[in-house]
């Protein structure tokens, strides 16, 4: 509970227009860049017919989640630039973009967890048989992730909001309620950090055990050593990116829940922090395709293959017309 109900009802004229532009333009730029990156991932995955692999389906869906996050972030940024005061005091206009933003972030988190579990099952042996994740399994996981994400993300649209109950309204993300933000943030941040930590550590341990077993038999261990280094490097990048992206938002939710000050007392520092956390989340949407899919050599090869396919089709059509 905060002290909002005891504050002045002056709901206009708080933001400085120069500060709005200084925060809004970088947000728009990062969101547009993220949209381009993730559209590139989706386009190359679809055009190269790479979706027969289970992991490729998860990668493509991760890009789709990040695309929706960037799109909804762009929507919120436009509302912030055109009418910044409604991002402080809340409005019915903010419910839909905030709900889409929340659902997209949740879908991204669930996809990152699914990718970690799929990679773990790909290298783990349980009861002496390799657990094989099929294409149908990946599609079922993708659908489940989206259902859960929209179920939890759209709860404010279904009535769990504080449009008419300012006493429990969030100071940072009004008209969301503080208890809703706590309900969403705490379990999902735990999921985002702990499950990937477990899966990638298990992968590293399995690879190390196999390397030691082969070394004891006098066999070459270069492949396992290389795989272990690559997994360790990737998992460190994932963890650092998640820490940088989501930890400030989580801290903002905790601050929101324990706040007893009015909006005017928190302006501008806490609201600048809030906008910066949104930019960090969008940077996570930029980092995911770079870490998981947009490796320079691989991307260049795929784009070159697409170019060759287009040229061959053009030649075939020309010969047919002749």
C-alpha atoms as a PDB file:
ATOM      1  CA  UNK A   1       0.000   0.000   0.000  1.00  0.00           C
ATOM      2  CA  UNK A   2       1.327   3.426  -0.868  1.00  0.00           C
ATOM      3  CA  UNK A   3       0.407   6.933   0.104  1.00  0.00           C
ATOM      4  CA  UNK A   4      -1.186   7.818  -3.189  1.00  0.00           C
ATOM      5  CA  UNK A   5      -4.642   8.452  -1.710  1.00  0.00           C
ATOM      6  CA  UNK A   6      -3.264  11.269   0.448  1.00  0.00           C
ATOM      7  CA  UNK A   7      -1.581  13.039  -2.454  1.00  0.00           C
ATOM      8  CA  UNK A   8      -2.732  15.970  -4.530  1.00  0.00           C
ATOM      9  CA  UNK A   9      -5.099  15.218  -7.387  1.00  0.00           C
ATOM     10  CA  UNK A  10      -3.148  17.374  -9.875  1.00  0.00           C
ATOM     11  CA  UNK A  11      -2.743  14.869 -12.722  1.00  0.00           C
ATOM     12  CA  UNK A  12      -1.188  17.109 -15.361  1.00  0.00           C
ATOM     13  CA  UNK A  13       1.921  19.066 -16.145  1.00  0.00           C
ATOM     14  CA  UNK A  14       4.500  17.033 -14.244  1.00  0.00           C
ATOM     15  CA  UNK A  15       6.875  15.936 -17.015  1.00  0.00           C
ATOM     16  CA  UNK A  16       9.434  18.284 -18.494  1.00  0.00           C
ATOM     17  CA  UNK A  17       9.095  18.108 -22.329  1.00  0.00           C
ATOM     18  CA  UNK A  18      12.872  18.008 -22.871  1.00  0.00           C
ATOM     19  CA  UNK A  19      13.215  15.122 -20.416  1.00  0.00           C
ATOM     20  CA  UNK A  20      10.384  13.304 -22.196  1.00  0.00           C
ATOM     21  CA  UNK A  21      12.216  13.560 -25.526  1.00  0.00           C
ATOM     22  CA  UNK A  22      15.546  12.609 -23.949  1.00  0.00           C
ATOM     23  CA  UNK A  23      13.998   9.389 -22.608  1.00  0.00           C
ATOM     24  CA  UNK A  24      11.453   8.681 -25.338  1.00  0.00           C
ATOM     25  CA  UNK A  25      13.617   8.938 -28.459  1.00  0.00           C
ATOM     26  CA  UNK A  26      16.245   6.373 -27.276  1.00  0.00           C
ATOM     27  CA  UNK A  27      13.401   4.040 -26.277  1.00  0.00           C
ATOM     28  CA  UNK A  28      11.845   4.311 -29.737  1.00  0.00           C
ATOM     29  CA  UNK A  29      15.225   3.764 -31.414  1.00  0.00           C
ATOM     30  CA  UNK A  30      16.050   0.648 -29.382  1.00  0.00           C
ATOM     31  CA  UNK A  31      12.572  -0.777 -29.959  1.00  0.00           C
ATOM     32  CA  UNK A  32      12.777  -0.249 -33.728  1.00  0.00           C
ATOM     33  CA  UNK A  33      16.243  -1.848 -33.832  1.00  0.00           C
ATOM     34  CA  UNK A  34      14.975  -4.819 -31.849  1.00  0.00           C
ATOM     35  CA  UNK A  35      12.021  -5.222 -34.228  1.00  0.00           C
ATOM     36  CA  UNK A  36      14.435  -5.322 -37.201  1.00  0.00           C
ATOM     37  CA  UNK A  37      16.733  -7.876 -35.527  1.00  0.00           C
ATOM     38  CA  UNK A  38      13.942 -10.239 -34.529  1.00  0.00           C
ATOM     39  CA  UNK A  39      12.177  -9.933 -37.889  1.00  0.00           C
ATOM     40  CA  UNK A  40      15.491 -10.953 -39.476  1.00  0.00           C
ATOM     41  CA  UNK A  41      15.614 -14.069 -37.295  1.00  0.00           C
ATOM     42  CA  UNK A  42      12.026 -15.048 -38.108  1.00  0.00           C
ATOM     43  CA  UNK A  43      12.505 -14.355 -41.826  1.00  0.00           C
ATOM     44  CA  UNK A  44      15.696 -16.395 -42.160  1.00  0.00           C
ATOM     45  CA  UNK A  45      14.284 -19.300 -40.132  1.00  0.00           C
ATOM     46  CA  UNK A  46      11.129 -19.484 -42.250  1.00  0.00           C
ATOM     47  CA  UNK A  47      12.703 -18.877 -45.672  1.00  0.00           C
ATOM     48  CA  UNK A  48      15.494 -21.412 -45.153  1.00  0.00           C
ATOM     49  CA  UNK A  49      12.929 -24.010 -44.000  1.00  0.00           C
ATOM     50  CA  UNK A  50      14.835 -24.497 -40.769  1.00  0.00           C
ATOM     51  CA  UNK A  51      11.733 -25.101 -38.642  1.00  0.00           C
ATOM     52  CA  UNK A  52      11.853 -28.896 -38.919  1.00  0.00           C
ATOM     53  CA  UNK A  53      14.297 -28.886 -35.995  1.00  0.00           C
ATOM     54  CA  UNK A  54      12.735 -28.643 -32.508  1.00  0.00           C
ATOM     55  CA  UNK A  55      15.314 -26.139 -31.281  1.00  0.00           C
ATOM     56  CA  UNK A  56      14.748 -23.930 -34.353  1.00  0.00           C
ATOM     57  CA  UNK A  57      11.048 -23.724 -33.493  1.00  0.00           C
ATOM     58  CA  UNK A  58      11.952 -22.533 -29.993  1.00  0.00           C
ATOM     59  CA  UNK A  59      14.455 -20.015 -31.390  1.00  0.00           C
ATOM     60  CA  UNK A  60      11.888 -18.666 -33.857  1.00  0.00           C
ATOM     61  CA  UNK A  61       9.271 -18.402 -31.124  1.00  0.00           C
ATOM     62  CA  UNK A  62      11.763 -16.588 -28.880  1.00  0.00           C
ATOM     63  CA  UNK A  63      12.268 -14.061 -31.674  1.00  0.00           C
ATOM     64  CA  UNK A  64       8.487 -13.750 -32.003  1.00  0.00           C
ATOM     65  CA  UNK A  65       8.160 -13.075 -28.258  1.00  0.00           C
ATOM     66  CA  UNK A  66      10.912 -10.467 -28.419  1.00  0.00           C
ATOM     67  CA  UNK A  67       9.217  -8.946 -31.460  1.00  0.00           C
ATOM     68  CA  UNK A  68       5.960  -8.518 -29.530  1.00  0.00           C
ATOM     69  CA  UNK A  69       7.878  -7.100 -26.560  1.00  0.00           C
ATOM     70  CA  UNK A  70       9.566  -4.545 -28.816  1.00  0.00           C
ATOM     71  CA  UNK A  71       6.304  -3.691 -30.565  1.00  0.00           C
ATOM     72  CA  UNK A  72       4.426  -3.150 -27.283  1.00  0.00           C
ATOM     73  CA  UNK A  73       7.424  -1.208 -25.934  1.00  0.00           C
ATOM     74  CA  UNK A  74       7.242   0.999 -29.020  1.00  0.00           C
ATOM     75  CA  UNK A  75       3.521   1.516 -28.372  1.00  0.00           C
ATOM     76  CA  UNK A  76       4.196   2.533 -24.759  1.00  0.00           C
ATOM     77  CA  UNK A  77       7.005   4.855 -25.861  1.00  0.00           C
ATOM     78  CA  UNK A  78       4.683   6.638 -28.298  1.00  0.00           C
ATOM     79  CA  UNK A  79       2.095   7.098 -25.529  1.00  0.00           C
ATOM     80  CA  UNK A  80       4.849   8.368 -23.241  1.00  0.00           C
ATOM     81  CA  UNK A  81       6.014  10.980 -25.772  1.00  0.00           C
ATOM     82  CA  UNK A  82       2.516  12.143 -26.747  1.00  0.00           C
ATOM     83  CA  UNK A  83       0.997  12.156 -23.248  1.00  0.00           C
ATOM     84  CA  UNK A  84       3.649  11.424 -20.599  1.00  0.00           C
ATOM     85  CA  UNK A  85       1.459  12.181 -17.566  1.00  0.00           C
ATOM     86  CA  UNK A  86      -0.779   9.142 -18.160  1.00  0.00           C
ATOM     87  CA  UNK A  87       2.285   6.925 -17.563  1.00  0.00           C
ATOM     88  CA  UNK A  88       2.425   8.357 -14.031  1.00  0.00           C
ATOM     89  CA  UNK A  89      -1.208   8.624 -13.004  1.00  0.00           C
ATOM     90  CA  UNK A  90      -2.527   5.818 -15.170  1.00  0.00           C
ATOM     91  CA  UNK A  91      -5.274   5.657 -17.726  1.00  0.00           C
ATOM     92  CA  UNK A  92      -7.452   3.069 -19.417  1.00  0.00           C
ATOM     93  CA  UNK A  93      -5.372   3.729 -22.540  1.00  0.00           C
ATOM     94  CA  UNK A  94      -2.350   2.188 -20.780  1.00  0.00           C
ATOM     95  CA  UNK A  95      -4.023  -1.131 -19.922  1.00  0.00           C
ATOM     96  CA  UNK A  96      -3.800  -2.776 -23.362  1.00  0.00           C
ATOM     97  CA  UNK A  97      -0.137  -1.882 -24.129  1.00  0.00           C
ATOM     98  CA  UNK A  98       0.960  -2.772 -20.594  1.00  0.00           C
ATOM     99  CA  UNK A  99      -0.901  -6.106 -20.791  1.00  0.00           C
ATOM    100  CA  UNK A 100       0.673  -6.965 -24.178  1.00  0.00           C
ATOM    101  CA  UNK A 101       4.070  -5.905 -22.843  1.00  0.00           C
ATOM    102  CA  UNK A 102       3.681  -8.135 -19.774  1.00  0.00           C
ATOM    103  CA  UNK A 103       2.466 -11.123 -21.806  1.00  0.00           C
ATOM    104  CA  UNK A 104       5.357 -10.745 -24.272  1.00  0.00           C
ATOM    105  CA  UNK A 105       7.970 -10.565 -21.496  1.00  0.00           C
ATOM    106  CA  UNK A 106       6.465 -13.641 -19.823  1.00  0.00           C
ATOM    107  CA  UNK A 107       6.539 -15.506 -23.140  1.00  0.00           C
ATOM    108  CA  UNK A 108      10.210 -14.559 -23.571  1.00  0.00           C
ATOM    109  CA  UNK A 109      11.033 -15.873 -20.094  1.00  0.00           C
ATOM    110  CA  UNK A 110       9.168 -19.141 -20.671  1.00  0.00           C
ATOM    111  CA  UNK A 111      10.893 -19.593 -24.035  1.00  0.00           C
ATOM    112  CA  UNK A 112      14.339 -19.042 -22.526  1.00  0.00           C
ATOM    113  CA  UNK A 113      13.523 -21.668 -19.897  1.00  0.00           C
ATOM    114  CA  UNK A 114      12.236 -24.058 -22.593  1.00  0.00           C
ATOM    115  CA  UNK A 115      15.421 -23.629 -24.641  1.00  0.00           C
ATOM    116  CA  UNK A 116      17.557 -24.426 -21.595  1.00  0.00           C
ATOM    117  CA  UNK A 117      15.526 -27.561 -20.846  1.00  0.00           C
ATOM    118  CA  UNK A 118      15.636 -28.684 -24.507  1.00  0.00           C
ATOM    119  CA  UNK A 119      19.414 -28.271 -24.608  1.00  0.00           C
ATOM    120  CA  UNK A 120      19.715 -30.239 -21.370  1.00  0.00           C
ATOM    121  CA  UNK A 121      17.554 -33.090 -22.696  1.00  0.00           C
ATOM    122  CA  UNK A 122      19.602 -33.105 -25.907  1.00  0.00           C
ATOM    123  CA  UNK A 123      22.790 -34.043 -24.054  1.00  0.00           C
ATOM    124  CA  UNK A 124      21.457 -35.862 -20.988  1.00  0.00           C
ATOM    125  CA  UNK A 125      20.973 -39.599 -20.737  1.00  0.00           C
ATOM    126  CA  UNK A 126      18.232 -40.808 -18.441  1.00  0.00           C
ATOM    127  CA  UNK A 127      17.804 -44.570 -17.933  1.00  0.00           C
ATOM    128  CA  UNK A 128      20.433 -45.180 -20.639  1.00  0.00           C
ATOM    129  CA  UNK A 129      18.328 -43.690 -23.419  1.00  0.00           C
ATOM    130  CA  UNK A 130      18.604 -40.273 -24.975  1.00  0.00           C
ATOM    131  CA  UNK A 131      15.555 -38.086 -24.389  1.00  0.00           C
ATOM    132  CA  UNK A 132      14.521 -37.022 -27.863  1.00  0.00           C
ATOM    133  CA  UNK A 133      12.550 -33.810 -28.195  1.00  0.00           C
ATOM    134  CA  UNK A 134      10.447 -33.940 -31.341  1.00  0.00           C
ATOM    135  CA  UNK A 135       8.984 -31.174 -33.466  1.00  0.00           C
ATOM    136  CA  UNK A 136       5.523 -31.841 -32.024  1.00  0.00           C
ATOM    137  CA  UNK A 137       6.926 -31.482 -28.498  1.00  0.00           C
ATOM    138  CA  UNK A 138       8.358 -28.080 -29.376  1.00  0.00           C
ATOM    139  CA  UNK A 139       5.078 -26.908 -30.930  1.00  0.00           C
ATOM    140  CA  UNK A 140       3.182 -28.029 -27.803  1.00  0.00           C
ATOM    141  CA  UNK A 141       5.669 -26.161 -25.582  1.00  0.00           C
ATOM    142  CA  UNK A 142       5.345 -23.015 -27.713  1.00  0.00           C
ATOM    143  CA  UNK A 143       1.537 -23.075 -27.493  1.00  0.00           C
ATOM    144  CA  UNK A 144       1.668 -23.702 -23.738  1.00  0.00           C
ATOM    145  CA  UNK A 145       4.083 -20.819 -23.242  1.00  0.00           C
ATOM    146  CA  UNK A 146       1.815 -18.401 -25.107  1.00  0.00           C
ATOM    147  CA  UNK A 147      -1.320 -19.565 -23.282  1.00  0.00           C
ATOM    148  CA  UNK A 148       0.341 -19.076 -19.882  1.00  0.00           C
ATOM    149  CA  UNK A 149       1.870 -15.746 -20.918  1.00  0.00           C
ATOM    150  CA  UNK A 150      -1.426 -14.295 -22.126  1.00  0.00           C
ATOM    151  CA  UNK A 151      -3.356 -15.782 -19.208  1.00  0.00           C
ATOM    152  CA  UNK A 152      -1.129 -14.044 -16.642  1.00  0.00           C
ATOM    153  CA  UNK A 153      -0.383 -10.960 -18.731  1.00  0.00           C
ATOM    154  CA  UNK A 154      -4.019 -10.152 -19.513  1.00  0.00           C
ATOM    155  CA  UNK A 155      -5.313 -10.436 -15.940  1.00  0.00           C
ATOM    156  CA  UNK A 156      -5.477  -6.608 -15.677  1.00  0.00           C
ATOM    157  CA  UNK A 157      -7.711  -6.537 -18.769  1.00  0.00           C
ATOM    158  CA  UNK A 158      -9.965  -9.080 -17.078  1.00  0.00           C
ATOM    159  CA  UNK A 159     -10.474  -6.844 -14.056  1.00  0.00           C
ATOM    160  CA  UNK A 160      -7.352  -7.094 -11.877  1.00  0.00           C
ATOM    161  CA  UNK A 161      -6.454  -3.424 -12.211  1.00  0.00           C
ATOM    162  CA  UNK A 162      -6.633  -0.291 -10.069  1.00  0.00           C
ATOM    163  CA  UNK A 163      -8.356   2.118 -12.432  1.00  0.00           C
ATOM    164  CA  UNK A 164     -10.973   2.791  -9.760  1.00  0.00           C
ATOM    165  CA  UNK A 165      -8.930   1.932  -6.670  1.00  0.00           C
ATOM    166  CA  UNK A 166      -6.062   4.408  -6.408  1.00  0.00           C
ATOM    167  CA  UNK A 167      -5.264   3.281  -2.864  1.00  0.00           C
ATOM    168  CA  UNK A 168      -3.569   0.086  -4.101  1.00  0.00           C
ATOM    169  CA  UNK A 169      -2.417   1.416  -7.467  1.00  0.00           C
ATOM    170  CA  UNK A 170       1.182   1.053  -8.568  1.00  0.00           C
ATOM    171  CA  UNK A 171       3.135   4.309  -8.525  1.00  0.00           C
ATOM    172  CA  UNK A 172       5.421   3.203 -11.376  1.00  0.00           C
ATOM    173  CA  UNK A 173       3.035   1.214 -13.577  1.00  0.00           C
ATOM    174  CA  UNK A 174      -0.418   2.640 -12.888  1.00  0.00           C
ATOM    175  CA  UNK A 175      -3.166   1.471 -13.489  1.00  0.00           C
ATOM    176  CA  UNK A 176      -1.655  -1.904 -12.548  1.00  0.00           C
ATOM    177  CA  UNK A 177      -2.118  -2.899  -8.905  1.00  0.00           C
ATOM    178  CA  UNK A 178       0.901  -3.415  -6.675  1.00  0.00           C
ATOM    179  CA  UNK A 179      -0.227  -6.904  -5.630  1.00  0.00           C
ATOM    180  CA  UNK A 180      -0.546  -7.935  -9.307  1.00  0.00           C
ATOM    181  CA  UNK A 181       3.010  -6.783 -10.026  1.00  0.00           C
ATOM    182  CA  UNK A 182       4.294  -8.770  -7.040  1.00  0.00           C
ATOM    183  CA  UNK A 183       2.288 -11.816  -8.166  1.00  0.00           C
ATOM    184  CA  UNK A 184       3.832 -11.609 -11.650  1.00  0.00           C
ATOM    185  CA  UNK A 185       7.375 -10.460 -10.868  1.00  0.00           C
ATOM    186  CA  UNK A 186       8.574 -12.646  -7.991  1.00  0.00           C
ATOM    187  CA  UNK A 187       7.821 -16.180  -9.302  1.00  0.00           C
ATOM    188  CA  UNK A 188       8.790 -15.388 -12.897  1.00  0.00           C
ATOM    189  CA  UNK A 189      12.088 -13.739 -11.960  1.00  0.00           C
ATOM    190  CA  UNK A 190      12.900 -16.837  -9.878  1.00  0.00           C
ATOM    191  CA  UNK A 191      12.008 -19.045 -12.873  1.00  0.00           C
ATOM    192  CA  UNK A 192      14.107 -16.907 -15.233  1.00  0.00           C
ATOM    193  CA  UNK A 193      17.213 -17.243 -13.049  1.00  0.00           C
ATOM    194  CA  UNK A 194      17.075 -20.636 -11.335  1.00  0.00           C
ATOM    195  CA  UNK A 195      15.904 -23.052 -14.048  1.00  0.00           C
ATOM    196  CA  UNK A 196      18.400 -21.889 -16.737  1.00  0.00           C
ATOM    197  CA  UNK A 197      21.125 -21.966 -14.065  1.00  0.00           C
ATOM    198  CA  UNK A 198      20.284 -25.592 -13.248  1.00  0.00           C
ATOM    199  CA  UNK A 199      19.996 -26.752 -16.870  1.00  0.00           C
ATOM    200  CA  UNK A 200      23.212 -25.162 -18.138  1.00  0.00           C
ATOM    201  CA  UNK A 201      25.204 -26.267 -15.087  1.00  0.00           C
ATOM    202  CA  UNK A 202      23.925 -29.817 -15.620  1.00  0.00           C
ATOM    203  CA  UNK A 203      24.963 -29.666 -19.289  1.00  0.00           C
ATOM    204  CA  UNK A 204      28.472 -28.550 -18.315  1.00  0.00           C
ATOM    205  CA  UNK A 205      28.719 -31.305 -15.686  1.00  0.00           C
ATOM    206  CA  UNK A 206      27.565 -33.983 -18.165  1.00  0.00           C
ATOM    207  CA  UNK A 207      30.041 -32.829 -20.810  1.00  0.00           C
ATOM    208  CA  UNK A 208      32.865 -32.780 -18.261  1.00  0.00           C
ATOM    209  CA  UNK A 209      32.066 -36.302 -17.056  1.00  0.00           C
ATOM    210  CA  UNK A 210      32.059 -37.615 -20.616  1.00  0.00           C
ATOM    211  CA  UNK A 211      35.320 -35.822 -21.334  1.00  0.00           C
ATOM    212  CA  UNK A 212      36.982 -37.360 -18.269  1.00  0.00           C
ATOM    213  CA  UNK A 213      35.602 -40.812 -19.158  1.00  0.00           C
ATOM    214  CA  UNK A 214      37.011 -40.592 -22.684  1.00  0.00           C
ATOM    215  CA  UNK A 215      40.310 -39.244 -21.375  1.00  0.00           C
ATOM    216  CA  UNK A 216      40.601 -42.225 -19.041  1.00  0.00           C
ATOM    217  CA  UNK A 217      40.108 -44.513 -22.048  1.00  0.00           C
ATOM    218  CA  UNK A 218      42.850 -42.694 -23.944  1.00  0.00           C
ATOM    219  CA  UNK A 219      40.504 -41.154 -26.526  1.00  0.00           C
ATOM    220  CA  UNK A 220      40.538 -37.610 -27.909  1.00  0.00           C
ATOM    221  CA  UNK A 221      38.516 -35.129 -25.845  1.00  0.00           C
ATOM    222  CA  UNK A 222      38.770 -32.013 -28.002  1.00  0.00           C
ATOM    223  CA  UNK A 223      35.112 -32.065 -29.066  1.00  0.00           C
ATOM    224  CA  UNK A 224      33.791 -32.284 -25.505  1.00  0.00           C
ATOM    225  CA  UNK A 225      36.220 -29.628 -24.299  1.00  0.00           C
ATOM    226  CA  UNK A 226      35.112 -27.267 -27.071  1.00  0.00           C
ATOM    227  CA  UNK A 227      31.441 -27.956 -26.343  1.00  0.00           C
ATOM    228  CA  UNK A 228      31.969 -27.378 -22.627  1.00  0.00           C
ATOM    229  CA  UNK A 229      33.673 -24.039 -23.236  1.00  0.00           C
ATOM    230  CA  UNK A 230      30.944 -22.947 -25.664  1.00  0.00           C
ATOM    231  CA  UNK A 231      28.111 -23.875 -23.271  1.00  0.00           C
ATOM    232  CA  UNK A 232      29.874 -22.154 -20.354  1.00  0.00           C
ATOM    233  CA  UNK A 233      30.411 -18.996 -22.393  1.00  0.00           C
ATOM    234  CA  UNK A 234      26.815 -18.970 -23.648  1.00  0.00           C
ATOM    235  CA  UNK A 235      25.358 -19.575 -20.180  1.00  0.00           C
ATOM    236  CA  UNK A 236      27.441 -16.719 -18.734  1.00  0.00           C
ATOM    237  CA  UNK A 237      26.167 -14.371 -21.463  1.00  0.00           C
ATOM    238  CA  UNK A 238      22.577 -15.486 -20.826  1.00  0.00           C
ATOM    239  CA  UNK A 239      22.910 -14.946 -17.103  1.00  0.00           C
ATOM    240  CA  UNK A 240      24.546 -11.545 -17.391  1.00  0.00           C
ATOM    241  CA  UNK A 241      21.971 -10.403 -19.943  1.00  0.00           C
ATOM    242  CA  UNK A 242      19.088 -11.596 -17.750  1.00  0.00           C
ATOM    243  CA  UNK A 243      20.642  -9.983 -14.673  1.00  0.00           C
ATOM    244  CA  UNK A 244      21.147  -6.650 -16.418  1.00  0.00           C
ATOM    245  CA  UNK A 245      17.674  -6.737 -17.994  1.00  0.00           C
ATOM    246  CA  UNK A 246      15.335  -7.998 -15.284  1.00  0.00           C
ATOM    247  CA  UNK A 247      17.014  -7.261 -11.937  1.00  0.00           C
ATOM    248  CA  UNK A 248      16.389  -3.461 -12.141  1.00  0.00           C
ATOM    249  CA  UNK A 249      12.725  -4.085 -13.008  1.00  0.00           C
ATOM    250  CA  UNK A 250      12.418  -6.460 -10.047  1.00  0.00           C
ATOM    251  CA  UNK A 251      14.021  -3.846  -7.792  1.00  0.00           C
ATOM    252  CA  UNK A 252      11.508  -1.300  -9.107  1.00  0.00           C
ATOM    253  CA  UNK A 253       8.595  -3.606  -8.200  1.00  0.00           C
ATOM    254  CA  UNK A 254       9.959  -4.053  -4.658  1.00  0.00           C
ATOM    255  CA  UNK A 255      10.390  -0.278  -4.360  1.00  0.00           C
ATOM    256  CA  UNK A 256       6.857   0.207  -5.664  1.00  0.00           C
ATOM    257  CA  UNK A 257       5.449  -2.206  -3.075  1.00  0.00           C
ATOM    258  CA  UNK A 258       7.208  -0.470  -0.170  1.00  0.00           C
ATOM    259  CA  UNK A 259       6.635   3.102  -1.348  1.00  0.00           C
ATOM    260  CA  UNK A 260       4.703   5.605   0.792  1.00  0.00           C
ATOM    261  CA  UNK A 261       5.467   8.746  -1.220  1.00  0.00           C
ATOM    262  CA  UNK A 262       3.442  10.751  -3.721  1.00  0.00           C
ATOM    263  CA  UNK A 263       4.180  10.920  -7.451  1.00  0.00           C
ATOM    264  CA  UNK A 264       5.508  14.463  -7.207  1.00  0.00           C
ATOM    265  CA  UNK A 265       7.966  13.377  -4.500  1.00  0.00           C
ATOM    266  CA  UNK A 266       9.309  10.596  -6.712  1.00  0.00           C
ATOM    267  CA  UNK A 267       9.653  12.713  -9.862  1.00  0.00           C
ATOM    268  CA  UNK A 268      11.935  12.728 -11.765  1.00  0.00           C
ATOM    269  CA  UNK A 269      14.454  10.199 -10.388  1.00  0.00           C
ATOM    270  CA  UNK A 270      12.290   7.118  -9.924  1.00  0.00           C
ATOM    271  CA  UNK A 271      10.495   7.656 -13.248  1.00  0.00           C
ATOM    272  CA  UNK A 272      13.781   8.026 -15.115  1.00  0.00           C
ATOM    273  CA  UNK A 273      14.799   4.732 -13.479  1.00  0.00           C
ATOM    274  CA  UNK A 274      11.507   3.161 -14.610  1.00  0.00           C
ATOM    275  CA  UNK A 275      12.065   4.198 -18.236  1.00  0.00           C
ATOM    276  CA  UNK A 276      15.641   2.944 -18.107  1.00  0.00           C
ATOM    277  CA  UNK A 277      14.437  -0.475 -16.907  1.00  0.00           C
ATOM    278  CA  UNK A 278      12.139  -0.594 -19.944  1.00  0.00           C
ATOM    279  CA  UNK A 279      15.127   0.135 -22.206  1.00  0.00           C
ATOM    280  CA  UNK A 280      17.125  -2.632 -20.518  1.00  0.00           C
ATOM    281  CA  UNK A 281      14.325  -5.129 -21.151  1.00  0.00           C
ATOM    282  CA  UNK A 282      14.342  -4.122 -24.824  1.00  0.00           C
ATOM    283  CA  UNK A 283      18.117  -4.564 -24.885  1.00  0.00           C
ATOM    284  CA  UNK A 284      17.464  -8.130 -23.716  1.00  0.00           C
ATOM    285  CA  UNK A 285      15.247  -8.514 -26.790  1.00  0.00           C
ATOM    286  CA  UNK A 286      18.202  -7.301 -28.864  1.00  0.00           C
ATOM    287  CA  UNK A 287      20.663  -9.607 -27.110  1.00  0.00           C
ATOM    288  CA  UNK A 288      18.628 -12.804 -27.418  1.00  0.00           C
ATOM    289  CA  UNK A 289      18.839 -13.087 -31.232  1.00  0.00           C
ATOM    290  CA  UNK A 290      22.543 -12.218 -31.114  1.00  0.00           C
ATOM    291  CA  UNK A 291      23.295 -14.915 -28.528  1.00  0.00           C
ATOM    292  CA  UNK A 292      21.020 -17.617 -29.915  1.00  0.00           C
ATOM    293  CA  UNK A 293      20.723 -17.127 -33.668  1.00  0.00           C
ATOM    294  CA  UNK A 294      22.325 -14.090 -35.291  1.00  0.00           C
ATOM    295  CA  UNK A 295      25.887 -15.357 -35.403  1.00  0.00           C
ATOM    296  CA  UNK A 296      27.661 -13.505 -38.157  1.00  0.00           C
ATOM    297  CA  UNK A 297      28.918 -16.474 -40.189  1.00  0.00           C
ATOM    298  CA  UNK A 298      25.706 -18.447 -39.849  1.00  0.00           C
ATOM    299  CA  UNK A 299      23.519 -15.481 -40.728  1.00  0.00           C
ATOM    300  CA  UNK A 300      25.706 -14.552 -43.705  1.00  0.00           C
ATOM    301  CA  UNK A 301      25.522 -18.128 -44.996  1.00  0.00           C
ATOM    302  CA  UNK A 302      21.715 -18.205 -44.649  1.00  0.00           C
ATOM    303  CA  UNK A 303      21.262 -14.845 -46.375  1.00  0.00           C
ATOM    304  CA  UNK A 304      23.624 -15.951 -49.145  1.00  0.00           C
ATOM    305  CA  UNK A 305      21.621 -19.151 -49.558  1.00  0.00           C
ATOM    306  CA  UNK A 306      18.420 -17.122 -49.822  1.00  0.00           C
ATOM    307  CA  UNK A 307      20.047 -14.916 -52.467  1.00  0.00           C
ATOM    308  CA  UNK A 308      21.123 -17.970 -54.466  1.00  0.00           C
ATOM    309  CA  UNK A 309      17.630 -19.462 -54.239  1.00  0.00           C
ATOM    310  CA  UNK A 310      16.102 -16.195 -55.512  1.00  0.00           C
ATOM    311  CA  UNK A 311      18.590 -15.988 -58.424  1.00  0.00           C
ATOM    312  CA  UNK A 312      17.968 -19.615 -59.399  1.00  0.00           C
ATOM    313  CA  UNK A 313      14.188 -19.070 -59.341  1.00  0.00           C
ATOM    314  CA  UNK A 314      14.582 -15.967 -61.511  1.00  0.00           C
ATOM    315  CA  UNK A 315      16.701 -17.865 -64.035  1.00  0.00           C
ATOM    316  CA  UNK A 316      14.205 -20.736 -64.099  1.00  0.00           C
ATOM    317  CA  UNK A 317      11.311 -18.334 -64.717  1.00  0.00           C
ATOM    318  CA  UNK A 318      13.266 -16.572 -67.475  1.00  0.00           C
ATOM    319  CA  UNK A 319      14.092 -19.852 -69.241  1.00  0.00           C
ATOM    320  CA  UNK A 320      10.464 -20.978 -68.918  1.00  0.00           C
ATOM    321  CA  UNK A 321       9.198 -17.731 -70.469  1.00  0.00           C
ATOM    322  CA  UNK A 322      11.684 -18.012 -73.322  1.00  0.00           C
END
